[in-house]
N, C-alpha and C. Protein backbone atom coordinates (compact mmCIF):
# COMPACT_ATOMS: atom_id res chain seq x y z
N MET A 1 100.29 78.16 146.36
CA MET A 1 99.38 79.27 146.54
C MET A 1 99.61 79.93 147.90
N THR A 2 99.18 81.15 147.99
CA THR A 2 99.28 81.92 149.22
C THR A 2 97.92 82.02 149.88
N LEU A 3 97.89 81.95 151.17
CA LEU A 3 96.65 82.09 151.91
C LEU A 3 96.20 83.54 151.89
N ALA A 4 94.96 83.78 151.49
CA ALA A 4 94.40 85.13 151.40
C ALA A 4 93.11 85.20 152.19
N PHE A 5 92.70 86.41 152.54
CA PHE A 5 91.50 86.63 153.32
C PHE A 5 90.62 87.69 152.66
N PRO A 6 90.09 87.39 151.46
CA PRO A 6 89.28 88.39 150.76
C PRO A 6 87.90 88.59 151.38
N ASN A 7 87.42 87.61 152.13
CA ASN A 7 86.10 87.67 152.75
C ASN A 7 86.26 88.20 154.17
N ARG A 8 85.75 89.39 154.44
CA ARG A 8 85.93 90.01 155.76
C ARG A 8 84.90 89.53 156.79
N SER A 9 84.02 88.63 156.41
CA SER A 9 83.01 88.19 157.37
C SER A 9 83.65 87.34 158.46
N ARG A 10 83.03 87.40 159.61
CA ARG A 10 83.43 86.59 160.77
C ARG A 10 82.21 86.43 161.62
N SER A 11 82.19 85.41 162.45
CA SER A 11 81.03 85.17 163.30
C SER A 11 81.49 84.55 164.61
N TYR A 12 80.68 84.77 165.62
CA TYR A 12 80.97 84.20 166.93
C TYR A 12 80.31 82.83 167.03
N ASP A 13 81.07 81.83 167.44
CA ASP A 13 80.57 80.48 167.65
C ASP A 13 80.55 80.25 169.17
N ALA A 14 79.36 80.35 169.76
CA ALA A 14 79.23 80.24 171.21
C ALA A 14 79.65 78.86 171.72
N ALA A 15 79.37 77.81 170.97
CA ALA A 15 79.72 76.46 171.40
C ALA A 15 81.24 76.29 171.51
N ARG A 16 81.97 76.86 170.58
CA ARG A 16 83.43 76.76 170.59
C ARG A 16 84.10 77.88 171.38
N LYS A 17 83.32 78.91 171.71
CA LYS A 17 83.86 80.12 172.35
C LYS A 17 85.00 80.66 171.50
N ALA A 18 84.67 80.89 170.23
CA ALA A 18 85.68 81.31 169.25
C ALA A 18 85.03 82.13 168.14
N ILE A 19 85.85 82.91 167.48
CA ILE A 19 85.42 83.65 166.30
C ILE A 19 85.82 82.83 165.08
N ARG A 20 84.87 82.61 164.20
CA ARG A 20 85.11 81.85 162.96
C ARG A 20 85.36 82.83 161.82
N PHE A 21 86.38 82.53 161.02
CA PHE A 21 86.65 83.31 159.82
C PHE A 21 87.27 82.39 158.77
N LEU A 22 87.29 82.85 157.54
CA LEU A 22 87.74 82.01 156.44
C LEU A 22 88.95 82.59 155.73
N GLY A 23 89.83 81.69 155.34
CA GLY A 23 90.92 82.03 154.45
C GLY A 23 90.74 81.24 153.17
N TYR A 24 91.48 81.62 152.15
CA TYR A 24 91.39 80.92 150.86
C TYR A 24 92.79 80.67 150.33
N ASP A 25 93.01 79.44 149.92
CA ASP A 25 94.24 79.04 149.25
C ASP A 25 93.82 78.70 147.83
N GLY A 26 93.91 79.68 146.95
CA GLY A 26 93.37 79.51 145.61
C GLY A 26 91.86 79.40 145.72
N THR A 27 91.31 78.30 145.23
CA THR A 27 89.86 78.10 145.31
C THR A 27 89.45 77.30 146.55
N PHE A 28 90.41 76.89 147.35
CA PHE A 28 90.12 76.10 148.54
C PHE A 28 89.80 76.99 149.73
N GLU A 29 88.65 76.75 150.35
CA GLU A 29 88.25 77.47 151.55
C GLU A 29 88.93 76.85 152.76
N VAL A 30 89.51 77.68 153.61
CA VAL A 30 90.24 77.21 154.79
C VAL A 30 89.60 77.83 156.03
N PRO A 31 88.87 77.03 156.83
CA PRO A 31 88.20 77.58 158.02
C PRO A 31 89.17 77.75 159.19
N PHE A 32 89.02 78.87 159.87
CA PHE A 32 89.81 79.19 161.06
C PHE A 32 88.88 79.57 162.20
N PHE A 33 89.34 79.28 163.41
CA PHE A 33 88.69 79.76 164.63
C PHE A 33 89.78 80.40 165.48
N VAL A 34 89.48 81.53 166.09
CA VAL A 34 90.39 82.11 167.07
C VAL A 34 89.63 82.12 168.40
N GLU A 35 90.20 81.44 169.39
CA GLU A 35 89.55 81.33 170.69
C GLU A 35 89.42 82.70 171.34
N VAL A 36 88.30 82.94 172.03
CA VAL A 36 88.11 84.23 172.67
C VAL A 36 89.16 84.46 173.76
N GLN A 37 89.70 83.40 174.34
CA GLN A 37 90.76 83.57 175.34
C GLN A 37 91.99 84.23 174.72
N ALA A 38 92.24 83.98 173.45
CA ALA A 38 93.36 84.62 172.76
C ALA A 38 93.09 86.11 172.60
N LEU A 39 91.85 86.48 172.36
CA LEU A 39 91.49 87.90 172.25
C LEU A 39 91.55 88.58 173.61
N LYS A 40 91.16 87.86 174.65
CA LYS A 40 91.16 88.42 176.00
C LYS A 40 92.58 88.66 176.52
N ALA A 41 93.55 87.96 175.98
CA ALA A 41 94.93 88.12 176.45
C ALA A 41 95.40 89.56 176.26
N SER A 42 94.97 90.19 175.18
CA SER A 42 95.40 91.58 174.93
C SER A 42 94.34 92.60 175.35
N GLN A 43 93.10 92.14 175.53
CA GLN A 43 92.02 93.04 175.92
C GLN A 43 91.14 92.34 176.97
N PRO A 44 91.54 92.39 178.24
CA PRO A 44 90.84 91.64 179.29
C PRO A 44 89.36 92.00 179.45
N ALA A 45 88.94 93.20 179.04
CA ALA A 45 87.54 93.61 179.20
C ALA A 45 86.61 92.96 178.19
N VAL A 46 87.16 92.19 177.29
CA VAL A 46 86.34 91.52 176.27
C VAL A 46 85.55 90.41 176.96
N ASP A 47 84.21 90.58 176.99
CA ASP A 47 83.40 89.64 177.77
C ASP A 47 82.04 89.31 177.17
N ASN A 48 81.78 89.69 175.92
CA ASN A 48 80.51 89.32 175.29
C ASN A 48 80.69 89.29 173.78
N GLU A 49 79.71 88.78 173.08
CA GLU A 49 79.83 88.58 171.64
C GLU A 49 80.19 89.86 170.89
N THR A 50 79.55 90.96 171.21
CA THR A 50 79.84 92.22 170.53
C THR A 50 81.29 92.63 170.73
N ARG A 51 81.77 92.49 171.93
CA ARG A 51 83.17 92.86 172.21
C ARG A 51 84.15 91.87 171.61
N TYR A 52 83.78 90.59 171.57
CA TYR A 52 84.64 89.60 170.92
C TYR A 52 84.84 89.96 169.45
N LEU A 53 83.75 90.28 168.77
CA LEU A 53 83.84 90.63 167.35
C LEU A 53 84.61 91.92 167.15
N ALA A 54 84.41 92.91 168.03
CA ALA A 54 85.15 94.17 167.93
C ALA A 54 86.64 93.94 168.16
N ALA A 55 86.97 93.08 169.13
CA ALA A 55 88.38 92.77 169.39
C ALA A 55 89.01 92.05 168.20
N PHE A 56 88.25 91.16 167.58
CA PHE A 56 88.73 90.49 166.38
C PHE A 56 89.00 91.51 165.29
N ASP A 57 88.05 92.40 165.05
CA ASP A 57 88.21 93.41 164.01
C ASP A 57 89.42 94.29 164.27
N ALA A 58 89.64 94.66 165.53
CA ALA A 58 90.78 95.52 165.88
C ALA A 58 92.11 94.82 165.65
N ALA A 59 92.13 93.51 165.79
CA ALA A 59 93.38 92.74 165.66
C ALA A 59 93.41 91.91 164.38
N ARG A 60 92.53 92.19 163.45
CA ARG A 60 92.38 91.37 162.24
C ARG A 60 93.72 91.11 161.53
N ILE A 61 94.51 92.13 161.31
CA ILE A 61 95.76 91.97 160.56
C ILE A 61 96.71 91.00 161.27
N SER A 62 96.88 91.18 162.57
CA SER A 62 97.80 90.27 163.29
C SER A 62 97.21 88.86 163.37
N ILE A 63 95.89 88.74 163.50
CA ILE A 63 95.26 87.42 163.52
C ILE A 63 95.49 86.72 162.19
N GLN A 64 95.33 87.44 161.09
CA GLN A 64 95.55 86.84 159.78
C GLN A 64 97.01 86.48 159.57
N ASP A 65 97.92 87.29 160.10
CA ASP A 65 99.34 86.95 160.01
C ASP A 65 99.64 85.64 160.75
N VAL A 66 99.06 85.50 161.95
CA VAL A 66 99.24 84.26 162.72
C VAL A 66 98.60 83.09 161.98
N ALA A 67 97.44 83.31 161.40
CA ALA A 67 96.77 82.25 160.64
C ALA A 67 97.64 81.78 159.48
N ARG A 68 98.26 82.72 158.78
CA ARG A 68 99.17 82.34 157.67
C ARG A 68 100.33 81.50 158.19
N GLU A 69 100.90 81.90 159.31
CA GLU A 69 102.03 81.17 159.88
C GLU A 69 101.61 79.75 160.28
N VAL A 70 100.50 79.62 160.96
CA VAL A 70 100.01 78.30 161.38
C VAL A 70 99.70 77.45 160.15
N TYR A 71 99.07 78.04 159.15
CA TYR A 71 98.72 77.32 157.92
C TYR A 71 99.96 76.82 157.20
N SER A 72 101.05 77.56 157.28
CA SER A 72 102.27 77.19 156.57
C SER A 72 102.92 75.92 157.12
N HIS A 73 102.51 75.49 158.30
CA HIS A 73 103.09 74.30 158.92
C HIS A 73 102.42 73.00 158.50
N GLY A 74 101.42 73.08 157.65
CA GLY A 74 100.77 71.86 157.18
C GLY A 74 99.28 72.03 157.04
N ARG A 75 98.72 71.25 156.16
CA ARG A 75 97.29 71.34 155.86
C ARG A 75 96.46 70.54 156.86
N LYS A 76 95.37 71.17 157.31
CA LYS A 76 94.41 70.52 158.21
C LYS A 76 93.01 70.80 157.70
N ARG A 77 92.05 70.11 158.28
CA ARG A 77 90.65 70.32 157.92
C ARG A 77 90.18 71.69 158.40
N LEU A 78 90.62 72.11 159.59
CA LEU A 78 90.35 73.43 160.13
C LEU A 78 91.45 73.79 161.12
N TYR A 79 91.54 75.06 161.43
CA TYR A 79 92.61 75.56 162.29
C TYR A 79 91.99 76.31 163.46
N VAL A 80 92.50 76.04 164.66
CA VAL A 80 92.06 76.74 165.85
C VAL A 80 93.26 77.50 166.40
N LEU A 81 93.14 78.82 166.41
CA LEU A 81 94.21 79.66 166.95
C LEU A 81 93.95 79.92 168.43
N THR A 82 94.97 79.67 169.23
CA THR A 82 94.85 79.84 170.68
C THR A 82 95.79 80.97 171.13
N ALA A 83 95.72 81.33 172.39
CA ALA A 83 96.61 82.37 172.92
C ALA A 83 98.08 81.98 172.70
N TYR A 84 98.38 80.70 172.75
CA TYR A 84 99.75 80.22 172.52
C TYR A 84 100.28 80.63 171.15
N ASP A 85 99.43 80.65 170.14
CA ASP A 85 99.85 81.00 168.78
C ASP A 85 100.25 82.46 168.65
N PHE A 86 99.84 83.30 169.58
CA PHE A 86 100.11 84.74 169.50
C PHE A 86 101.30 85.17 170.32
N LYS A 87 102.05 84.23 170.88
CA LYS A 87 103.22 84.57 171.70
C LYS A 87 104.47 84.66 170.86
């Protein structure tokens, strides 16, 4: 199966300092987090929840591409994307 992102919802997780979003591999839900530091790497002015979510939305396609690449390396319970994954 191919990882897909039909659900456009995302949310800010203050405890993790990350944006949570979901991918799907067939009927299997695959949780992802992208650290806000990864978003700040390309947009340093990102400094609050509203801006974190806007930065995520602006970079959604590239974030999902990175998520697919990371997912292709093996199955995990959840995936955390860091600034390192975007280099």
